[in-house]
Amino acid sequence: MNWFVRSTALAVLMSAGLAMAAPKVIKKVPPEFPAEAARKSINAGSVRAKLTIGPDGSVLEVEIVEAEPKRVFDRASIEALKGWKFEGTGQKETHEVKLVYRNEE
């Protein structure tokens, strides 16, 4: 069986504050669908993560806020989100992102 599962992950950026505009993403790294999830016949899920974005737009920290199912997609989400890059604002910011996983194999 091929463990490189074809999958999609959709990202939705949510502003942490109502008055603040969401930061502009300039580089997205798509997460890989975990082989472990495919082996366990888990075909979908989602992760909501809080990102701490540095003044230069790099992701400094990723905190998993909510996940369904729990702990299945956390590692893949953290690895991918740490590779994202935002337009730098000169200030440290926090924003939330929701990744939605679907196994399309």
C-alpha atoms as a PDB file:
ATOM      1  CA  MET A   1       0.000   0.000   0.000  1.00  0.00           C
ATOM      2  CA  ASN A   2       1.263   3.462  -0.848  1.00  0.00           C
ATOM      3  CA  TRP A   3       1.602   5.462   2.397  1.00  0.00           C
ATOM      4  CA  PHE A   4       1.903   8.750   0.526  1.00  0.00           C
ATOM      5  CA  VAL A   5      -1.774   9.473   0.733  1.00  0.00           C
ATOM      6  CA  ARG A   6      -3.211  12.075  -1.579  1.00  0.00           C
ATOM      7  CA  SER A   7      -4.930  14.654   0.536  1.00  0.00           C
ATOM      8  CA  THR A   8      -6.034  18.218   0.752  1.00  0.00           C
ATOM      9  CA  ALA A   9      -5.770  20.646   3.565  1.00  0.00           C
ATOM     10  CA  LEU A  10      -7.634  23.892   3.403  1.00  0.00           C
ATOM     11  CA  ALA A  11      -6.489  26.799   5.483  1.00  0.00           C
ATOM     12  CA  VAL A  12      -8.732  29.506   6.784  1.00  0.00           C
ATOM     13  CA  LEU A  13      -7.055  32.477   8.405  1.00  0.00           C
ATOM     14  CA  MET A  14      -8.978  34.094  11.238  1.00  0.00           C
ATOM     15  CA  SER A  15      -8.009  37.339  12.863  1.00  0.00           C
ATOM     16  CA  ALA A  16      -7.468  37.128  16.615  1.00  0.00           C
ATOM     17  CA  GLY A  17      -9.030  40.552  17.093  1.00  0.00           C
ATOM     18  CA  LEU A  18     -12.241  41.759  15.495  1.00  0.00           C
ATOM     19  CA  ALA A  19     -10.854  45.177  14.560  1.00  0.00           C
ATOM     20  CA  MET A  20      -7.602  43.823  13.123  1.00  0.00           C
ATOM     21  CA  ALA A  21      -7.243  42.694   9.540  1.00  0.00           C
ATOM     22  CA  ALA A  22      -5.861  39.224   8.945  1.00  0.00           C
ATOM     23  CA  PRO A  23      -2.174  39.218   8.022  1.00  0.00           C
ATOM     24  CA  LYS A  24      -1.279  38.620   4.397  1.00  0.00           C
ATOM     25  CA  VAL A  25       0.104  35.139   3.786  1.00  0.00           C
ATOM     26  CA  ILE A  26       3.012  35.163   1.350  1.00  0.00           C
ATOM     27  CA  LYS A  27       4.048  31.506   1.678  1.00  0.00           C
ATOM     28  CA  LYS A  28       1.926  28.493   2.626  1.00  0.00           C
ATOM     29  CA  VAL A  29       3.338  25.052   3.289  1.00  0.00           C
ATOM     30  CA  PRO A  30       0.612  22.434   2.851  1.00  0.00           C
ATOM     31  CA  PRO A  31       0.495  19.808   5.594  1.00  0.00           C
ATOM     32  CA  GLU A  32       0.835  16.172   4.687  1.00  0.00           C
ATOM     33  CA  PHE A  33      -2.011  13.807   5.509  1.00  0.00           C
ATOM     34  CA  PRO A  34      -0.525  11.546   8.207  1.00  0.00           C
ATOM     35  CA  ALA A  35       0.016   7.925   7.137  1.00  0.00           C
ATOM     36  CA  GLU A  36      -1.012   6.866  10.651  1.00  0.00           C
ATOM     37  CA  ALA A  37      -4.436   8.464  10.138  1.00  0.00           C
ATOM     38  CA  ALA A  38      -4.873   6.667   6.811  1.00  0.00           C
ATOM     39  CA  ARG A  39      -3.908   3.331   8.412  1.00  0.00           C
ATOM     40  CA  LYS A  40      -6.547   3.940  11.085  1.00  0.00           C
ATOM     41  CA  SER A  41      -9.141   4.785   8.396  1.00  0.00           C
ATOM     42  CA  ILE A  42      -9.415   8.378   9.584  1.00  0.00           C
ATOM     43  CA  ASN A  43     -10.303  10.242   6.407  1.00  0.00           C
ATOM     44  CA  ALA A  44     -11.058  13.755   7.639  1.00  0.00           C
ATOM     45  CA  GLY A  45     -10.389  16.151  10.444  1.00  0.00           C
ATOM     46  CA  SER A  46      -9.511  19.690  11.362  1.00  0.00           C
ATOM     47  CA  VAL A  47      -7.092  21.641  13.514  1.00  0.00           C
ATOM     48  CA  ARG A  48      -7.423  25.181  14.797  1.00  0.00           C
ATOM     49  CA  ALA A  49      -4.076  26.701  15.734  1.00  0.00           C
ATOM     50  CA  LYS A  50      -2.932  29.990  17.227  1.00  0.00           C
ATOM     51  CA  LEU A  51       0.118  31.412  15.487  1.00  0.00           C
ATOM     52  CA  THR A  52       2.580  33.866  16.944  1.00  0.00           C
ATOM     53  CA  ILE A  53       3.959  35.824  14.005  1.00  0.00           C
ATOM     54  CA  GLY A  54       7.220  37.725  14.370  1.00  0.00           C
ATOM     55  CA  PRO A  55       7.819  41.295  13.188  1.00  0.00           C
ATOM     56  CA  ASP A  56       9.436  39.914  10.011  1.00  0.00           C
ATOM     57  CA  GLY A  57       6.400  37.714   9.215  1.00  0.00           C
ATOM     58  CA  SER A  58       7.922  34.392  10.258  1.00  0.00           C
ATOM     59  CA  VAL A  59       5.928  32.003  12.442  1.00  0.00           C
ATOM     60  CA  LEU A  60       7.551  31.890  15.877  1.00  0.00           C
ATOM     61  CA  GLU A  61       5.107  29.616  17.694  1.00  0.00           C
ATOM     62  CA  VAL A  62       2.202  27.312  16.884  1.00  0.00           C
ATOM     63  CA  GLU A  63      -0.274  26.319  19.587  1.00  0.00           C
ATOM     64  CA  ILE A  64      -3.021  23.798  18.860  1.00  0.00           C
ATOM     65  CA  VAL A  65      -6.258  25.278  20.197  1.00  0.00           C
ATOM     66  CA  GLU A  66      -8.728  22.654  18.995  1.00  0.00           C
ATOM     67  CA  ALA A  67      -8.451  19.434  16.995  1.00  0.00           C
ATOM     68  CA  GLU A  68     -10.933  16.877  15.709  1.00  0.00           C
ATOM     69  CA  PRO A  69     -10.061  14.073  16.136  1.00  0.00           C
ATOM     70  CA  LYS A  70      -7.688  14.939  18.953  1.00  0.00           C
ATOM     71  CA  ARG A  71      -3.906  14.550  18.404  1.00  0.00           C
ATOM     72  CA  VAL A  72      -4.232  12.961  14.935  1.00  0.00           C
ATOM     73  CA  PHE A  73      -3.264  15.954  12.785  1.00  0.00           C
ATOM     74  CA  ASP A  74      -1.389  18.071  15.377  1.00  0.00           C
ATOM     75  CA  ARG A  75       2.173  17.202  14.352  1.00  0.00           C
ATOM     76  CA  ALA A  76       1.525  17.625  10.599  1.00  0.00           C
ATOM     77  CA  SER A  77      -0.201  20.952  11.267  1.00  0.00           C
ATOM     78  CA  ILE A  78       2.604  22.322  13.458  1.00  0.00           C
ATOM     79  CA  GLU A  79       5.321  21.288  10.982  1.00  0.00           C
ATOM     80  CA  ALA A  80       3.488  22.891   8.054  1.00  0.00           C
ATOM     81  CA  LEU A  81       2.488  26.093   9.864  1.00  0.00           C
ATOM     82  CA  LYS A  82       6.048  26.727  11.070  1.00  0.00           C
ATOM     83  CA  GLY A  83       6.993  26.979   7.391  1.00  0.00           C
ATOM     84  CA  TRP A  84       4.386  29.634   6.601  1.00  0.00           C
ATOM     85  CA  LYS A  85       5.470  33.222   6.008  1.00  0.00           C
ATOM     86  CA  PHE A  86       3.405  36.378   6.376  1.00  0.00           C
ATOM     87  CA  GLU A  87       3.980  39.921   5.229  1.00  0.00           C
ATOM     88  CA  GLY A  88       6.000  41.527   8.023  1.00  0.00           C
ATOM     89  CA  THR A  89       4.338  44.351   9.919  1.00  0.00           C
ATOM     90  CA  GLY A  90       7.227  45.257  12.207  1.00  0.00           C
ATOM     91  CA  GLN A  91       5.264  43.981  15.209  1.00  0.00           C
ATOM     92  CA  LYS A  92       4.642  40.647  16.866  1.00  0.00           C
ATOM     93  CA  GLU A  93       1.071  39.424  16.208  1.00  0.00           C
ATOM     94  CA  THR A  94      -1.149  36.468  17.001  1.00  0.00           C
ATOM     95  CA  HIS A  95      -3.708  35.002  14.635  1.00  0.00           C
ATOM     96  CA  GLU A  96      -5.641  31.775  14.307  1.00  0.00           C
ATOM     97  CA  VAL A  97      -5.678  29.390  11.383  1.00  0.00           C
ATOM     98  CA  LYS A  98      -7.954  26.432  10.760  1.00  0.00           C
ATOM     99  CA  LEU A  99      -6.651  23.538   8.674  1.00  0.00           C
ATOM    100  CA  VAL A 100      -9.192  21.084   7.274  1.00  0.00           C
ATOM    101  CA  TYR A 101      -7.962  17.627   6.258  1.00  0.00           C
ATOM    102  CA  ARG A 102      -9.621  15.312   3.748  1.00  0.00           C
ATOM    103  CA  ASN A 103      -8.172  12.048   2.456  1.00  0.00           C
ATOM    104  CA  GLU A 104      -8.902  11.878  -1.267  1.00  0.00           C
ATOM    105  CA  GLU A 105      -7.521   8.420  -1.974  1.00  0.00           C
END
